[in-house]
Amino acid sequence: MPLPPASESLPAAGAPRVSHLDCGGARLTASTVFRDLPDQDPQVVSQSITVTAPGARTARPLKLEARPFRQPFLQETPVLDASATGWACVTSAHHQSYVYVVMTCTESPLHAACAGPTREWVRLYDLRGRALNAAFPHDAGPREEALMKRLGLDHVEDAGISLSDPRE
């Protein structure tokens, strides 16, 4: 898409969209700011997810794999190269709860790797906000399967996970 003329202003980023997820006594809060542009997918300007563990007084941030970058059609405002697009609370066979987060990269002509099976990946967090598979590549395959089995979550993906969108 061609860039708008310099005299044409683009819409400003909107107010944060906030959503919540309750999981095993913990409360998660997601805050996402979008920039809606004509003829483009909404662009995520910022996103944070915090977790307040059972009995904790303060929220801890989840470490999300998102870095700012500049879209060719939005040079003056950095957007995130990925964002959390799905989340769910999953319970293991051992009755432990975990936060299952689906990350999706932002499509861009500057982001050629954002296509096919590597466009989405899963990150798993405990209720203290610790990422359990952060060191895994996006397509972790057997490593992720082994982790899910060790945590007693191997049945979860087979049964299907009902995700909600933390951006809504």
C-alpha atoms as a PDB file:
ATOM      1  CA  MET A   1       0.000   0.000   0.000  1.00  0.00           C
ATOM      2  CA  PRO A   2       1.353   3.461  -0.823  1.00  0.00           C
ATOM      3  CA  LEU A   3       2.216   5.787   2.012  1.00  0.00           C
ATOM      4  CA  PRO A   4      -0.246   8.616   2.664  1.00  0.00           C
ATOM      5  CA  PRO A   5       0.824  12.073   1.539  1.00  0.00           C
ATOM      6  CA  ALA A   6       2.852  13.965   4.150  1.00  0.00           C
ATOM      7  CA  SER A   7      -0.038  16.377   4.684  1.00  0.00           C
ATOM      8  CA  GLU A   8      -2.404  13.507   5.550  1.00  0.00           C
ATOM      9  CA  SER A   9      -2.272  12.544   9.206  1.00  0.00           C
ATOM     10  CA  LEU A  10      -2.736   8.996  10.400  1.00  0.00           C
ATOM     11  CA  PRO A  11      -5.058   8.136  13.278  1.00  0.00           C
ATOM     12  CA  ALA A  12      -3.475   8.203  16.723  1.00  0.00           C
ATOM     13  CA  ALA A  13      -3.162   5.109  18.853  1.00  0.00           C
ATOM     14  CA  GLY A  14      -6.343   4.272  20.727  1.00  0.00           C
ATOM     15  CA  ALA A  15      -6.972   3.830  24.416  1.00  0.00           C
ATOM     16  CA  PRO A  16      -5.654   0.598  25.944  1.00  0.00           C
ATOM     17  CA  ARG A  17      -7.904  -2.428  25.653  1.00  0.00           C
ATOM     18  CA  VAL A  18      -7.813  -4.300  28.931  1.00  0.00           C
ATOM     19  CA  SER A  19      -8.800  -7.918  29.525  1.00  0.00           C
ATOM     20  CA  HIS A  20      -8.524 -10.326  32.412  1.00  0.00           C
ATOM     21  CA  LEU A  21      -7.990 -14.030  32.862  1.00  0.00           C
ATOM     22  CA  ASP A  22      -8.418 -15.886  36.152  1.00  0.00           C
ATOM     23  CA  CYS A  23      -6.224 -18.936  36.504  1.00  0.00           C
ATOM     24  CA  GLY A  24      -5.684 -21.167  39.523  1.00  0.00           C
ATOM     25  CA  GLY A  25      -6.318 -18.328  41.955  1.00  0.00           C
ATOM     26  CA  ALA A  26      -4.097 -15.904  40.011  1.00  0.00           C
ATOM     27  CA  ARG A  27      -5.395 -12.888  38.119  1.00  0.00           C
ATOM     28  CA  LEU A  28      -3.856 -11.892  34.790  1.00  0.00           C
ATOM     29  CA  THR A  29      -4.374  -8.499  33.200  1.00  0.00           C
ATOM     30  CA  ALA A  30      -3.552  -7.711  29.576  1.00  0.00           C
ATOM     31  CA  SER A  31      -3.331  -4.155  28.285  1.00  0.00           C
ATOM     32  CA  THR A  32      -2.983  -3.621  24.535  1.00  0.00           C
ATOM     33  CA  VAL A  33      -2.811  -0.399  22.547  1.00  0.00           C
ATOM     34  CA  PHE A  34      -3.638  -0.523  18.821  1.00  0.00           C
ATOM     35  CA  ARG A  35      -3.264   1.866  15.970  1.00  0.00           C
ATOM     36  CA  ASP A  36      -6.094   1.345  13.483  1.00  0.00           C
ATOM     37  CA  LEU A  37      -5.112   2.284   9.961  1.00  0.00           C
ATOM     38  CA  PRO A  38      -7.117   2.313   6.744  1.00  0.00           C
ATOM     39  CA  ASP A  39      -6.506  -0.755   4.544  1.00  0.00           C
ATOM     40  CA  GLN A  40      -4.135  -2.363   7.097  1.00  0.00           C
ATOM     41  CA  ASP A  41      -4.447  -4.827   9.938  1.00  0.00           C
ATOM     42  CA  PRO A  42      -4.593  -3.065  13.315  1.00  0.00           C
ATOM     43  CA  GLN A  43      -1.032  -2.490  14.505  1.00  0.00           C
ATOM     44  CA  VAL A  44      -0.115  -3.249  18.122  1.00  0.00           C
ATOM     45  CA  VAL A  45       1.782  -0.283  19.562  1.00  0.00           C
ATOM     46  CA  SER A  46       2.210  -1.713  23.062  1.00  0.00           C
ATOM     47  CA  GLN A  47       1.129  -4.735  25.058  1.00  0.00           C
ATOM     48  CA  SER A  48       1.724  -5.943  28.583  1.00  0.00           C
ATOM     49  CA  ILE A  49       0.439  -8.867  30.594  1.00  0.00           C
ATOM     50  CA  THR A  50       0.793  -9.006  34.355  1.00  0.00           C
ATOM     51  CA  VAL A  51      -0.011 -11.781  36.800  1.00  0.00           C
ATOM     52  CA  THR A  52      -0.951 -11.438  40.432  1.00  0.00           C
ATOM     53  CA  ALA A  53      -0.259 -14.813  42.022  1.00  0.00           C
ATOM     54  CA  PRO A  54      -2.513 -16.201  44.755  1.00  0.00           C
ATOM     55  CA  GLY A  55      -1.661 -14.399  47.999  1.00  0.00           C
ATOM     56  CA  ALA A  56       0.635 -11.879  46.259  1.00  0.00           C
ATOM     57  CA  ARG A  57       0.153  -8.160  46.735  1.00  0.00           C
ATOM     58  CA  THR A  58       1.848  -6.994  43.575  1.00  0.00           C
ATOM     59  CA  ALA A  59       1.530  -7.964  39.922  1.00  0.00           C
ATOM     60  CA  ARG A  60       4.516  -9.324  38.017  1.00  0.00           C
ATOM     61  CA  PRO A  61       4.926  -8.790  34.268  1.00  0.00           C
ATOM     62  CA  LEU A  62       5.061 -11.738  31.899  1.00  0.00           C
ATOM     63  CA  LYS A  63       8.073 -11.484  29.624  1.00  0.00           C
ATOM     64  CA  LEU A  64       6.605 -11.341  26.121  1.00  0.00           C
ATOM     65  CA  GLU A  65       8.718 -11.802  23.017  1.00  0.00           C
ATOM     66  CA  ALA A  66       7.890  -8.535  21.311  1.00  0.00           C
ATOM     67  CA  ARG A  67      10.217  -5.811  20.146  1.00  0.00           C
ATOM     68  CA  PRO A  68       9.447  -2.490  18.465  1.00  0.00           C
ATOM     69  CA  PHE A  69       9.998  -2.146  14.743  1.00  0.00           C
ATOM     70  CA  ARG A  70       8.879   0.285  12.053  1.00  0.00           C
ATOM     71  CA  GLN A  71       6.370  -0.686   9.390  1.00  0.00           C
ATOM     72  CA  PRO A  72       7.044   0.883   5.962  1.00  0.00           C
ATOM     73  CA  PHE A  73       3.571   2.462   6.032  1.00  0.00           C
ATOM     74  CA  LEU A  74       3.940   3.773   9.597  1.00  0.00           C
ATOM     75  CA  GLN A  75       7.473   5.123   9.866  1.00  0.00           C
ATOM     76  CA  GLU A  76       6.825   7.661  12.616  1.00  0.00           C
ATOM     77  CA  THR A  77       5.423   5.160  15.132  1.00  0.00           C
ATOM     78  CA  PRO A  78       7.099   1.900  16.122  1.00  0.00           C
ATOM     79  CA  VAL A  79       4.806  -1.105  16.502  1.00  0.00           C
ATOM     80  CA  LEU A  80       5.491  -4.503  18.040  1.00  0.00           C
ATOM     81  CA  ASP A  81       6.933  -7.275  15.894  1.00  0.00           C
ATOM     82  CA  ALA A  82       4.725  -9.800  17.759  1.00  0.00           C
ATOM     83  CA  SER A  83       1.872  -9.812  20.239  1.00  0.00           C
ATOM     84  CA  ALA A  84      -0.105 -12.199  22.400  1.00  0.00           C
ATOM     85  CA  THR A  85      -3.206 -13.133  20.386  1.00  0.00           C
ATOM     86  CA  GLY A  86      -4.595 -15.950  22.508  1.00  0.00           C
ATOM     87  CA  TRP A  87      -4.473 -17.060  26.124  1.00  0.00           C
ATOM     88  CA  ALA A  88      -5.981 -19.697  28.330  1.00  0.00           C
ATOM     89  CA  CYS A  89      -5.638 -21.231  31.756  1.00  0.00           C
ATOM     90  CA  VAL A  90      -4.681 -24.896  31.487  1.00  0.00           C
ATOM     91  CA  THR A  91      -4.691 -27.409  34.334  1.00  0.00           C
ATOM     92  CA  SER A  92      -2.286 -30.312  34.507  1.00  0.00           C
ATOM     93  CA  ALA A  93      -3.005 -33.884  35.487  1.00  0.00           C
ATOM     94  CA  HIS A  94      -1.263 -32.916  38.771  1.00  0.00           C
ATOM     95  CA  HIS A  95      -3.885 -30.159  39.353  1.00  0.00           C
ATOM     96  CA  GLN A  96      -1.401 -27.329  38.727  1.00  0.00           C
ATOM     97  CA  SER A  97      -2.531 -24.346  36.660  1.00  0.00           C
ATOM     98  CA  TYR A  98      -0.463 -22.693  33.934  1.00  0.00           C
ATOM     99  CA  VAL A  99      -1.001 -19.811  31.539  1.00  0.00           C
ATOM    100  CA  TYR A 100      -0.902 -20.830  27.870  1.00  0.00           C
ATOM    101  CA  VAL A 101      -0.158 -17.852  25.576  1.00  0.00           C
ATOM    102  CA  VAL A 102      -0.160 -17.858  21.779  1.00  0.00           C
ATOM    103  CA  MET A 103       2.192 -15.279  20.271  1.00  0.00           C
ATOM    104  CA  THR A 104       1.758 -14.127  16.666  1.00  0.00           C
ATOM    105  CA  CYS A 105       4.289 -12.148  14.675  1.00  0.00           C
ATOM    106  CA  THR A 106       3.235  -8.978  12.878  1.00  0.00           C
ATOM    107  CA  GLU A 107       3.015  -9.313   9.119  1.00  0.00           C
ATOM    108  CA  SER A 108       5.244  -6.879   7.263  1.00  0.00           C
ATOM    109  CA  PRO A 109       7.290  -6.734   4.075  1.00  0.00           C
ATOM    110  CA  LEU A 110      10.246  -6.262   6.462  1.00  0.00           C
ATOM    111  CA  HIS A 111       9.376  -9.444   8.370  1.00  0.00           C
ATOM    112  CA  ALA A 112       9.773 -12.202   5.768  1.00  0.00           C
ATOM    113  CA  ALA A 113      10.039 -14.915   8.443  1.00  0.00           C
ATOM    114  CA  CYS A 114       6.501 -14.081   9.604  1.00  0.00           C
ATOM    115  CA  ALA A 115       4.757 -16.714   7.511  1.00  0.00           C
ATOM    116  CA  GLY A 116       3.604 -20.294   7.666  1.00  0.00           C
ATOM    117  CA  PRO A 117       4.015 -22.434  10.779  1.00  0.00           C
ATOM    118  CA  THR A 118       6.481 -20.053  12.433  1.00  0.00           C
ATOM    119  CA  ARG A 119       3.953 -17.176  12.436  1.00  0.00           C
ATOM    120  CA  GLU A 120       2.489 -18.426  15.740  1.00  0.00           C
ATOM    121  CA  TRP A 121       4.167 -20.027  18.718  1.00  0.00           C
ATOM    122  CA  VAL A 122       3.227 -20.957  22.277  1.00  0.00           C
ATOM    123  CA  ARG A 123       4.667 -19.711  25.521  1.00  0.00           C
ATOM    124  CA  LEU A 124       3.803 -21.347  28.819  1.00  0.00           C
ATOM    125  CA  TYR A 125       4.013 -19.511  32.167  1.00  0.00           C
ATOM    126  CA  ASP A 126       3.622 -20.598  35.750  1.00  0.00           C
ATOM    127  CA  LEU A 127       1.421 -18.538  38.068  1.00  0.00           C
ATOM    128  CA  ARG A 128       4.411 -16.544  39.320  1.00  0.00           C
ATOM    129  CA  GLY A 129       4.975 -15.273  35.766  1.00  0.00           C
ATOM    130  CA  ARG A 130       7.997 -17.444  34.972  1.00  0.00           C
ATOM    131  CA  ALA A 131       8.225 -18.444  31.295  1.00  0.00           C
ATOM    132  CA  LEU A 132       8.733 -22.208  31.216  1.00  0.00           C
ATOM    133  CA  ASN A 133       9.659 -22.558  27.548  1.00  0.00           C
ATOM    134  CA  ALA A 134      11.203 -19.155  26.782  1.00  0.00           C
ATOM    135  CA  ALA A 135      14.488 -20.690  25.616  1.00  0.00           C
ATOM    136  CA  PHE A 136      12.695 -22.868  23.069  1.00  0.00           C
ATOM    137  CA  PRO A 137      12.649 -21.897  19.392  1.00  0.00           C
ATOM    138  CA  HIS A 138       9.263 -20.930  17.978  1.00  0.00           C
ATOM    139  CA  ASP A 139       8.766 -24.379  16.457  1.00  0.00           C
ATOM    140  CA  ALA A 140       9.983 -26.342  19.500  1.00  0.00           C
ATOM    141  CA  GLY A 141       8.423 -29.653  18.415  1.00  0.00           C
ATOM    142  CA  PRO A 142       9.739 -32.513  20.581  1.00  0.00           C
ATOM    143  CA  ARG A 143      11.152 -30.199  23.287  1.00  0.00           C
ATOM    144  CA  GLU A 144       7.765 -28.608  23.839  1.00  0.00           C
ATOM    145  CA  GLU A 145       6.019 -31.998  23.771  1.00  0.00           C
ATOM    146  CA  ALA A 146       8.448 -33.296  26.407  1.00  0.00           C
ATOM    147  CA  LEU A 147       7.852 -30.238  28.626  1.00  0.00           C
ATOM    148  CA  MET A 148       4.076 -30.590  28.317  1.00  0.00           C
ATOM    149  CA  LYS A 149       4.322 -34.263  29.252  1.00  0.00           C
ATOM    150  CA  ARG A 150       6.636 -33.572  32.218  1.00  0.00           C
ATOM    151  CA  LEU A 151       4.222 -30.938  33.544  1.00  0.00           C
ATOM    152  CA  GLY A 152       1.225 -33.244  33.080  1.00  0.00           C
ATOM    153  CA  LEU A 153      -0.188 -31.123  30.262  1.00  0.00           C
ATOM    154  CA  ASP A 154       0.154 -33.584  27.391  1.00  0.00           C
ATOM    155  CA  HIS A 155      -3.615 -34.171  27.402  1.00  0.00           C
ATOM    156  CA  VAL A 156      -4.414 -30.454  27.089  1.00  0.00           C
ATOM    157  CA  GLU A 157      -3.500 -29.857  23.457  1.00  0.00           C
ATOM    158  CA  ASP A 158      -5.075 -33.147  22.391  1.00  0.00           C
ATOM    159  CA  ALA A 159      -8.376 -32.170  24.030  1.00  0.00           C
ATOM    160  CA  GLY A 160      -8.259 -28.709  22.477  1.00  0.00           C
ATOM    161  CA  ILE A 161      -7.608 -25.439  24.227  1.00  0.00           C
ATOM    162  CA  SER A 162     -10.309 -22.808  24.332  1.00  0.00           C
ATOM    163  CA  LEU A 163      -8.409 -19.578  23.793  1.00  0.00           C
ATOM    164  CA  SER A 164      -9.665 -16.074  24.359  1.00  0.00           C
ATOM    165  CA  ASP A 165      -8.042 -12.985  22.867  1.00  0.00           C
ATOM    166  CA  PRO A 166      -6.126 -10.895  25.433  1.00  0.00           C
ATOM    167  CA  ARG A 167      -6.404  -7.922  23.071  1.00  0.00           C
ATOM    168  CA  GLU A 168     -10.185  -7.636  23.456  1.00  0.00           C
END
